Amino acid sequence: MPAKKPFGGITIDFKGRDETMEDVFGSKPIPPSEMTKKIWAFVKGKKLLKR
């Protein structure tokens, strides 16, 4: 059986990344909505999207 195509056809490859959670999110508490924004900014900034 062939592998299923990812939902939306998008995958993110974090392999080989050395950044810590603090590098991505900062050292202060933030709400989940801000975490999502920061994750996407990181992914787009590092060109980690695979289509």
C-alpha atoms as a PDB file:
ATOM      1  CA  MET A   1       0.000   0.000   0.000  1.00  0.00           C
ATOM      2  CA  PRO A   2       1.534   3.377  -0.977  1.00  0.00           C
ATOM      3  CA  ALA A   3       2.114   6.054   1.648  1.00  0.00           C
ATOM      4  CA  LYS A   4      -0.674   8.578   2.054  1.00  0.00           C
ATOM      5  CA  LYS A   5      -0.019  12.080   0.769  1.00  0.00           C
ATOM      6  CA  PRO A   6       0.200  14.579   3.667  1.00  0.00           C
ATOM      7  CA  PHE A   7      -2.912  16.668   4.251  1.00  0.00           C
ATOM      8  CA  GLY A   8      -2.635  19.731   2.043  1.00  0.00           C
ATOM      9  CA  GLY A   9       0.517  18.372   0.403  1.00  0.00           C
ATOM     10  CA  ILE A  10       2.783  20.311   2.791  1.00  0.00           C
ATOM     11  CA  THR A  11       5.425  18.859   5.108  1.00  0.00           C
ATOM     12  CA  ILE A  12       7.959  20.545   7.385  1.00  0.00           C
ATOM     13  CA  ASP A  13      11.444  19.129   7.787  1.00  0.00           C
ATOM     14  CA  PHE A  14      13.083  19.961  11.142  1.00  0.00           C
ATOM     15  CA  LYS A  15      15.886  17.405  10.637  1.00  0.00           C
ATOM     16  CA  GLY A  16      19.310  18.728  11.616  1.00  0.00           C
ATOM     17  CA  ARG A  17      18.035  21.882  13.365  1.00  0.00           C
ATOM     18  CA  ASP A  18      20.009  23.027  16.428  1.00  0.00           C
ATOM     19  CA  GLU A  19      17.681  25.761  17.690  1.00  0.00           C
ATOM     20  CA  THR A  20      16.152  25.362  21.140  1.00  0.00           C
ATOM     21  CA  MET A  21      12.543  26.117  22.025  1.00  0.00           C
ATOM     22  CA  GLU A  22      13.770  29.283  23.714  1.00  0.00           C
ATOM     23  CA  ASP A  23      15.477  30.332  20.464  1.00  0.00           C
ATOM     24  CA  VAL A  24      12.173  30.007  18.632  1.00  0.00           C
ATOM     25  CA  PHE A  25       9.710  31.269  21.261  1.00  0.00           C
ATOM     26  CA  GLY A  26      11.782  33.526  23.497  1.00  0.00           C
ATOM     27  CA  SER A  27      12.140  33.309  27.273  1.00  0.00           C
ATOM     28  CA  LYS A  28       8.804  34.831  28.363  1.00  0.00           C
ATOM     29  CA  PRO A  29       5.480  32.985  28.595  1.00  0.00           C
ATOM     30  CA  ILE A  30       3.293  33.439  25.499  1.00  0.00           C
ATOM     31  CA  PRO A  31      -0.217  32.265  24.568  1.00  0.00           C
ATOM     32  CA  PRO A  32      -0.731  29.389  22.108  1.00  0.00           C
ATOM     33  CA  SER A  33      -1.810  31.768  19.335  1.00  0.00           C
ATOM     34  CA  GLU A  34       1.534  33.583  19.556  1.00  0.00           C
ATOM     35  CA  MET A  35       3.386  30.247  19.574  1.00  0.00           C
ATOM     36  CA  THR A  36       1.706  29.306  16.293  1.00  0.00           C
ATOM     37  CA  LYS A  37       2.724  32.619  14.714  1.00  0.00           C
ATOM     38  CA  LYS A  38       6.323  32.188  15.859  1.00  0.00           C
ATOM     39  CA  ILE A  39       6.520  28.599  14.602  1.00  0.00           C
ATOM     40  CA  TRP A  40       5.299  29.631  11.136  1.00  0.00           C
ATOM     41  CA  ALA A  41       7.663  32.617  11.063  1.00  0.00           C
ATOM     42  CA  PHE A  42      10.538  30.255  11.941  1.00  0.00           C
ATOM     43  CA  VAL A  43       9.526  27.651   9.341  1.00  0.00           C
ATOM     44  CA  LYS A  44       9.132  30.238   6.578  1.00  0.00           C
ATOM     45  CA  GLY A  45      12.280  32.137   7.574  1.00  0.00           C
ATOM     46  CA  LYS A  46      14.417  28.976   7.500  1.00  0.00           C
ATOM     47  CA  LYS A  47      12.692  27.658   4.333  1.00  0.00           C
ATOM     48  CA  LEU A  48      11.692  24.376   5.961  1.00  0.00           C
ATOM     49  CA  LEU A  49       8.449  23.872   3.971  1.00  0.00           C
ATOM     50  CA  LYS A  50       8.452  20.955   1.563  1.00  0.00           C
ATOM     51  CA  ARG A  51       5.730  20.625  -1.071  1.00  0.00           C
END
